[in-house]
Amino acid sequence: MAKKIKMWQELGPRLASATPMDSEEMIDELIAATNQTRGSILAVLSELDVVIEKGLKAGRIVKLPNGTSFRPIGKKDGSIKISLRLNPRVSGGVNSEFRGAWLNAANIGKTEDEMVALWNELHPDDLIED
């Protein structure tokens, strides 16, 4: 008898792997958009890291002018996790105009009952029972 987790792993909708945007591509995009030099872009990005780290080390939430924010979160073991809240405009833009590829796209929005029925149809020798 199959488990529902196995069903979701095989049939659940998920994003297909894509080629990461590396730092060189990011820098090239920023140079094109701002008409700044490579050195000035690198300097600003480097200093941004320093300023963000300084604020987080002091236990402060760091808010960027574009709406992105970083929050230090203390864990039980004494370590610090950093929570990122992305600029809401960016999140909205990605959701409204996403052009990446989905695996099992036909299953987006299906209920668990519909997914169980699909699994049971595809795997009659390994049924999921409720």
N, C-alpha and C. Protein backbone atom coordinates (compact mmCIF):
# COMPACT_ATOMS: atom_id res chain seq x y z
N MET A 1 0.84 -1.18 0.00
CA MET A 1 0.00 0.00 0.00
C MET A 1 0.89 1.25 0.00
N ALA A 2 0.68 2.13 -0.96
CA ALA A 2 1.49 3.33 -1.11
C ALA A 2 1.09 4.39 -0.09
N LYS A 3 2.01 5.26 0.18
CA LYS A 3 1.79 6.39 1.08
C LYS A 3 1.52 7.64 0.25
N LYS A 4 0.78 8.57 0.82
CA LYS A 4 0.44 9.80 0.10
C LYS A 4 1.69 10.62 -0.23
N ILE A 5 2.69 10.57 0.62
CA ILE A 5 3.91 11.34 0.34
C ILE A 5 4.55 10.86 -0.96
N LYS A 6 4.51 9.56 -1.20
CA LYS A 6 5.06 9.00 -2.44
C LYS A 6 4.26 9.51 -3.64
N MET A 7 2.94 9.60 -3.47
CA MET A 7 2.07 10.10 -4.52
C MET A 7 2.44 11.54 -4.88
N TRP A 8 2.59 12.39 -3.86
CA TRP A 8 2.91 13.79 -4.11
C TRP A 8 4.29 13.93 -4.73
N GLN A 9 5.25 13.11 -4.30
CA GLN A 9 6.59 13.18 -4.88
C GLN A 9 6.57 12.85 -6.37
N GLU A 10 5.78 11.87 -6.75
CA GLU A 10 5.75 11.45 -8.15
C GLU A 10 4.83 12.31 -9.01
N LEU A 11 3.66 12.65 -8.50
CA LEU A 11 2.64 13.29 -9.33
C LEU A 11 2.39 14.76 -9.02
N GLY A 12 2.89 15.23 -7.89
CA GLY A 12 2.61 16.60 -7.48
C GLY A 12 3.28 17.63 -8.39
N PRO A 13 2.62 18.77 -8.60
CA PRO A 13 3.22 19.82 -9.42
C PRO A 13 4.43 20.43 -8.70
N ARG A 14 5.50 20.67 -9.46
CA ARG A 14 6.69 21.30 -8.90
C ARG A 14 7.44 21.98 -10.04
N LEU A 15 8.28 22.91 -9.67
CA LEU A 15 9.05 23.63 -10.68
C LEU A 15 10.16 22.76 -11.24
N ALA A 16 10.35 22.85 -12.53
CA ALA A 16 11.47 22.16 -13.18
C ALA A 16 12.75 22.93 -12.88
N SER A 17 13.84 22.22 -12.79
CA SER A 17 15.13 22.88 -12.57
C SER A 17 15.44 23.79 -13.75
N ALA A 18 16.01 24.93 -13.44
CA ALA A 18 16.40 25.88 -14.47
C ALA A 18 17.85 26.28 -14.24
N THR A 19 18.48 26.82 -15.26
CA THR A 19 19.85 27.29 -15.13
C THR A 19 19.87 28.49 -14.18
N PRO A 20 20.69 28.42 -13.13
CA PRO A 20 20.74 29.55 -12.19
C PRO A 20 21.28 30.81 -12.86
N MET A 21 20.83 31.96 -12.39
CA MET A 21 21.41 33.23 -12.83
C MET A 21 22.66 33.42 -11.98
N ASP A 22 23.83 33.36 -12.60
CA ASP A 22 25.06 33.48 -11.82
C ASP A 22 25.40 34.94 -11.57
N SER A 23 26.41 35.16 -10.75
CA SER A 23 26.76 36.53 -10.35
C SER A 23 27.20 37.38 -11.54
N GLU A 24 27.90 36.78 -12.50
CA GLU A 24 28.33 37.55 -13.67
C GLU A 24 27.15 38.06 -14.49
N GLU A 25 26.15 37.22 -14.66
CA GLU A 25 24.95 37.64 -15.40
C GLU A 25 24.23 38.75 -14.63
N MET A 26 24.14 38.59 -13.31
CA MET A 26 23.49 39.60 -12.47
C MET A 26 24.22 40.94 -12.59
N ILE A 27 25.54 40.91 -12.51
CA ILE A 27 26.33 42.14 -12.63
C ILE A 27 26.15 42.77 -14.01
N ASP A 28 26.18 41.96 -15.05
CA ASP A 28 25.97 42.48 -16.40
C ASP A 28 24.61 43.14 -16.54
N GLU A 29 23.58 42.55 -15.96
CA GLU A 29 22.23 43.14 -16.00
C GLU A 29 22.21 44.49 -15.27
N LEU A 30 22.88 44.55 -14.11
CA LEU A 30 22.91 45.81 -13.35
C LEU A 30 23.69 46.89 -14.09
N ILE A 31 24.80 46.51 -14.72
CA ILE A 31 25.58 47.47 -15.50
C ILE A 31 24.72 48.04 -16.63
N ALA A 32 24.01 47.16 -17.34
CA ALA A 32 23.16 47.61 -18.45
C ALA A 32 22.03 48.52 -17.96
N ALA A 33 21.47 48.20 -16.80
CA ALA A 33 20.32 48.96 -16.30
C ALA A 33 20.72 50.30 -15.69
N THR A 34 21.93 50.39 -15.13
CA THR A 34 22.32 51.60 -14.39
C THR A 34 23.39 52.43 -15.07
N ASN A 35 24.04 51.86 -16.09
CA ASN A 35 25.14 52.53 -16.78
C ASN A 35 26.32 52.82 -15.83
N GLN A 36 26.42 52.04 -14.77
CA GLN A 36 27.54 52.15 -13.84
C GLN A 36 28.65 51.21 -14.28
N THR A 37 29.82 51.40 -13.71
CA THR A 37 30.94 50.52 -14.04
C THR A 37 30.82 49.23 -13.25
N ARG A 38 31.52 48.21 -13.74
CA ARG A 38 31.57 46.92 -13.03
C ARG A 38 32.11 47.13 -11.62
N GLY A 39 33.14 47.92 -11.48
CA GLY A 39 33.75 48.17 -10.17
C GLY A 39 32.78 48.83 -9.21
N SER A 40 32.01 49.80 -9.69
CA SER A 40 31.08 50.49 -8.78
C SER A 40 29.93 49.57 -8.37
N ILE A 41 29.47 48.73 -9.29
CA ILE A 41 28.41 47.76 -8.95
C ILE A 41 28.94 46.80 -7.88
N LEU A 42 30.13 46.27 -8.11
CA LEU A 42 30.72 45.33 -7.14
C LEU A 42 30.93 45.99 -5.78
N ALA A 43 31.36 47.24 -5.78
CA ALA A 43 31.58 47.96 -4.52
C ALA A 43 30.27 48.15 -3.76
N VAL A 44 29.23 48.54 -4.46
CA VAL A 44 27.93 48.74 -3.80
C VAL A 44 27.40 47.42 -3.24
N LEU A 45 27.48 46.35 -4.03
CA LEU A 45 27.00 45.05 -3.54
C LEU A 45 27.79 44.57 -2.33
N SER A 46 29.09 44.77 -2.37
CA SER A 46 29.94 44.37 -1.25
C SER A 46 29.59 45.17 0.00
N GLU A 47 29.42 46.47 -0.15
CA GLU A 47 29.08 47.31 1.01
C GLU A 47 27.68 47.01 1.51
N LEU A 48 26.77 46.66 0.62
CA LEU A 48 25.42 46.28 1.03
C LEU A 48 25.48 45.07 1.97
N ASP A 49 26.30 44.09 1.61
CA ASP A 49 26.48 42.93 2.49
C ASP A 49 26.97 43.35 3.87
N VAL A 50 27.94 44.26 3.91
CA VAL A 50 28.52 44.71 5.19
C VAL A 50 27.46 45.41 6.04
N VAL A 51 26.66 46.27 5.42
CA VAL A 51 25.64 47.03 6.14
C VAL A 51 24.53 46.09 6.65
N ILE A 52 24.11 45.16 5.82
CA ILE A 52 23.08 44.21 6.24
C ILE A 52 23.59 43.37 7.41
N GLU A 53 24.81 42.86 7.29
CA GLU A 53 25.39 42.05 8.38
C GLU A 53 25.50 42.86 9.67
N LYS A 54 25.93 44.09 9.57
CA LYS A 54 26.06 44.95 10.75
C LYS A 54 24.72 45.12 11.47
N GLY A 55 23.68 45.41 10.71
CA GLY A 55 22.35 45.57 11.31
C GLY A 55 21.84 44.29 11.93
N LEU A 56 22.00 43.17 11.23
CA LEU A 56 21.52 41.89 11.74
C LEU A 56 22.29 41.47 13.00
N LYS A 57 23.60 41.71 13.02
CA LYS A 57 24.40 41.38 14.20
C LYS A 57 23.94 42.16 15.42
N ALA A 58 23.39 43.34 15.20
CA ALA A 58 22.87 44.16 16.30
C ALA A 58 21.45 43.76 16.68
N GLY A 59 20.92 42.72 16.03
CA GLY A 59 19.57 42.25 16.34
C GLY A 59 18.48 43.07 15.69
N ARG A 60 18.83 43.85 14.70
CA ARG A 60 17.86 44.74 14.06
C ARG A 60 17.31 44.13 12.78
N ILE A 61 16.07 44.47 12.46
CA ILE A 61 15.50 44.17 11.15
C ILE A 61 16.11 45.18 10.18
N VAL A 62 16.55 44.71 9.04
CA VAL A 62 17.15 45.59 8.04
C VAL A 62 16.17 45.69 6.87
N LYS A 63 15.73 46.92 6.61
CA LYS A 63 14.78 47.16 5.52
C LYS A 63 15.47 47.93 4.41
N LEU A 64 15.40 47.38 3.20
CA LEU A 64 15.93 48.07 2.04
C LEU A 64 14.88 49.02 1.48
N PRO A 65 15.28 50.05 0.76
CA PRO A 65 14.32 51.02 0.22
C PRO A 65 13.29 50.41 -0.72
N ASN A 66 13.60 49.26 -1.32
CA ASN A 66 12.67 48.66 -2.27
C ASN A 66 11.60 47.79 -1.61
N GLY A 67 11.63 47.65 -0.28
CA GLY A 67 10.62 46.85 0.41
C GLY A 67 11.12 45.49 0.87
N THR A 68 12.29 45.08 0.43
CA THR A 68 12.88 43.83 0.89
C THR A 68 13.39 44.03 2.31
N SER A 69 13.22 43.02 3.17
CA SER A 69 13.72 43.14 4.54
C SER A 69 14.32 41.83 5.02
N PHE A 70 15.26 41.95 5.94
CA PHE A 70 15.96 40.83 6.56
C PHE A 70 15.70 40.90 8.06
N ARG A 71 15.39 39.76 8.67
CA ARG A 71 15.08 39.72 10.10
C ARG A 71 15.89 38.60 10.75
N PRO A 72 16.61 38.94 11.84
CA PRO A 72 17.30 37.87 12.56
C PRO A 72 16.31 37.12 13.45
N ILE A 73 16.41 35.80 13.45
CA ILE A 73 15.53 34.99 14.28
C ILE A 73 16.40 34.09 15.14
N GLY A 74 16.24 34.21 16.47
CA GLY A 74 17.01 33.38 17.40
C GLY A 74 16.42 31.99 17.51
N LYS A 75 17.29 30.98 17.42
CA LYS A 75 16.85 29.59 17.56
C LYS A 75 17.18 29.09 18.96
N LYS A 76 16.53 27.99 19.35
CA LYS A 76 16.71 27.44 20.69
C LYS A 76 18.16 27.09 21.02
N ASP A 77 18.93 26.72 20.00
CA ASP A 77 20.32 26.33 20.24
C ASP A 77 21.27 27.53 20.29
N GLY A 78 20.73 28.74 20.21
CA GLY A 78 21.55 29.94 20.28
C GLY A 78 22.04 30.45 18.94
N SER A 79 21.75 29.73 17.88
CA SER A 79 22.15 30.20 16.56
C SER A 79 21.12 31.19 16.02
N ILE A 80 21.51 31.89 15.00
CA ILE A 80 20.63 32.89 14.38
C ILE A 80 20.30 32.46 12.96
N LYS A 81 19.04 32.49 12.65
CA LYS A 81 18.56 32.24 11.29
C LYS A 81 18.14 33.60 10.73
N ILE A 82 18.34 33.80 9.44
CA ILE A 82 17.95 35.07 8.81
C ILE A 82 16.72 34.82 7.95
N SER A 83 15.66 35.56 8.24
CA SER A 83 14.43 35.49 7.46
C SER A 83 14.45 36.61 6.42
N LEU A 84 14.12 36.27 5.20
CA LEU A 84 14.09 37.25 4.11
C LEU A 84 12.65 37.48 3.70
N ARG A 85 12.26 38.72 3.64
CA ARG A 85 10.94 39.07 3.09
C ARG A 85 11.21 39.88 1.83
N LEU A 86 10.90 39.26 0.72
CA LEU A 86 11.18 39.87 -0.57
C LEU A 86 10.22 41.01 -0.86
N ASN A 87 10.69 41.97 -1.59
CA ASN A 87 9.87 43.09 -2.04
C ASN A 87 8.55 42.54 -2.58
N PRO A 88 7.41 42.96 -2.03
CA PRO A 88 6.12 42.44 -2.48
C PRO A 88 5.86 42.64 -3.98
N ARG A 89 6.39 43.69 -4.55
CA ARG A 89 6.23 43.92 -5.99
C ARG A 89 6.92 42.82 -6.79
N VAL A 90 8.09 42.39 -6.32
CA VAL A 90 8.82 41.31 -7.02
C VAL A 90 8.03 40.01 -6.91
N SER A 91 7.57 39.68 -5.72
CA SER A 91 6.78 38.45 -5.53
C SER A 91 5.54 38.46 -6.41
N GLY A 92 4.85 39.59 -6.44
CA GLY A 92 3.65 39.69 -7.27
C GLY A 92 3.96 39.57 -8.74
N GLY A 93 5.07 40.19 -9.17
CA GLY A 93 5.45 40.11 -10.57
C GLY A 93 5.82 38.70 -11.00
N VAL A 94 6.52 37.98 -10.13
CA VAL A 94 6.89 36.60 -10.44
C VAL A 94 5.62 35.75 -10.56
N ASN A 95 4.71 35.91 -9.63
CA ASN A 95 3.48 35.11 -9.64
C ASN A 95 2.57 35.44 -10.82
N SER A 96 2.54 36.68 -11.23
CA SER A 96 1.62 37.05 -12.32
C SER A 96 2.19 36.75 -13.70
N GLU A 97 3.52 36.71 -13.83
CA GLU A 97 4.11 36.53 -15.16
C GLU A 97 5.18 35.44 -15.17
N PHE A 98 5.00 34.39 -14.40
CA PHE A 98 6.01 33.32 -14.32
C PHE A 98 6.14 32.60 -15.65
N ARG A 99 7.38 32.45 -16.12
CA ARG A 99 7.62 31.80 -17.41
C ARG A 99 8.48 30.55 -17.28
N GLY A 100 8.76 30.13 -16.04
CA GLY A 100 9.52 28.90 -15.84
C GLY A 100 8.66 27.69 -16.18
N ALA A 101 9.26 26.54 -16.13
CA ALA A 101 8.56 25.30 -16.50
C ALA A 101 8.10 24.55 -15.24
N TRP A 102 6.91 23.98 -15.34
CA TRP A 102 6.34 23.15 -14.28
C TRP A 102 6.41 21.69 -14.70
N LEU A 103 6.72 20.82 -13.76
CA LEU A 103 6.57 19.38 -13.94
C LEU A 103 5.20 19.02 -13.38
N ASN A 104 4.50 18.13 -14.03
CA ASN A 104 3.15 17.72 -13.61
C ASN A 104 2.19 18.91 -13.54
N ALA A 105 2.32 19.81 -14.50
CA ALA A 105 1.49 21.02 -14.51
C ALA A 105 0.00 20.71 -14.56
N ALA A 106 -0.36 19.59 -15.16
CA ALA A 106 -1.77 19.23 -15.26
C ALA A 106 -2.39 18.97 -13.89
N ASN A 107 -1.55 18.76 -12.88
CA ASN A 107 -2.05 18.45 -11.54
C ASN A 107 -2.12 19.67 -10.62
N ILE A 108 -1.81 20.85 -11.15
CA ILE A 108 -1.90 22.07 -10.34
C ILE A 108 -3.36 22.28 -9.95
N GLY A 109 -3.59 22.50 -8.67
CA GLY A 109 -4.93 22.79 -8.16
C GLY A 109 -5.78 21.57 -7.87
N LYS A 110 -5.28 20.37 -8.14
CA LYS A 110 -6.07 19.17 -7.85
C LYS A 110 -6.12 18.93 -6.34
N THR A 111 -7.25 18.44 -5.89
CA THR A 111 -7.41 18.12 -4.48
C THR A 111 -6.67 16.82 -4.17
N GLU A 112 -6.49 16.56 -2.89
CA GLU A 112 -5.84 15.32 -2.49
C GLU A 112 -6.65 14.11 -2.95
N ASP A 113 -7.96 14.20 -2.86
CA ASP A 113 -8.81 13.09 -3.32
C ASP A 113 -8.63 12.82 -4.81
N GLU A 114 -8.52 13.89 -5.61
CA GLU A 114 -8.29 13.73 -7.04
C GLU A 114 -6.92 13.12 -7.31
N MET A 115 -5.94 13.51 -6.52
CA MET A 115 -4.59 12.96 -6.69
C MET A 115 -4.55 11.48 -6.30
N VAL A 116 -5.25 11.12 -5.24
CA VAL A 116 -5.32 9.71 -4.83
C VAL A 116 -5.96 8.89 -5.94
N ALA A 117 -7.04 9.40 -6.51
CA ALA A 117 -7.72 8.68 -7.60
C ALA A 117 -6.78 8.51 -8.80
N LEU A 118 -6.03 9.55 -9.12
CA LEU A 118 -5.08 9.48 -10.23
C LEU A 118 -3.99 8.45 -9.93
N TRP A 119 -3.45 8.49 -8.71
CA TRP A 119 -2.42 7.51 -8.32
C TRP A 119 -2.96 6.09 -8.45
N ASN A 120 -4.15 5.87 -7.89
CA ASN A 120 -4.73 4.52 -7.90
C ASN A 120 -5.00 4.03 -9.32
N GLU A 121 -5.33 4.96 -10.22
CA GLU A 121 -5.54 4.60 -11.62
C GLU A 121 -4.21 4.21 -12.29
N LEU A 122 -3.15 4.96 -11.97
CA LEU A 122 -1.84 4.71 -12.56
C LEU A 122 -1.11 3.52 -11.92
N HIS A 123 -1.43 3.24 -10.66
CA HIS A 123 -0.72 2.21 -9.90
C HIS A 123 -1.74 1.23 -9.26
N PRO A 124 -2.44 0.44 -10.05
CA PRO A 124 -3.48 -0.43 -9.49
C PRO A 124 -2.91 -1.51 -8.54
N ASP A 125 -1.62 -1.80 -8.63
CA ASP A 125 -1.01 -2.80 -7.74
C ASP A 125 -0.44 -2.17 -6.47
N ASP A 126 -0.53 -0.84 -6.34
CA ASP A 126 0.04 -0.14 -5.18
C ASP A 126 -0.91 0.97 -4.76
N LEU A 127 -2.10 0.61 -4.37
CA LEU A 127 -3.16 1.59 -4.10
C LEU A 127 -2.91 2.38 -2.82
N ILE A 128 -3.47 3.58 -2.82
CA ILE A 128 -3.52 4.39 -1.59
C ILE A 128 -4.95 4.29 -1.10
N GLU A 129 -5.09 3.86 0.13
CA GLU A 129 -6.41 3.77 0.72
C GLU A 129 -6.55 4.83 1.79
N ASP A 130 -7.73 5.41 1.88
CA ASP A 130 -8.00 6.43 2.91
C ASP A 130 -8.27 5.83 4.25
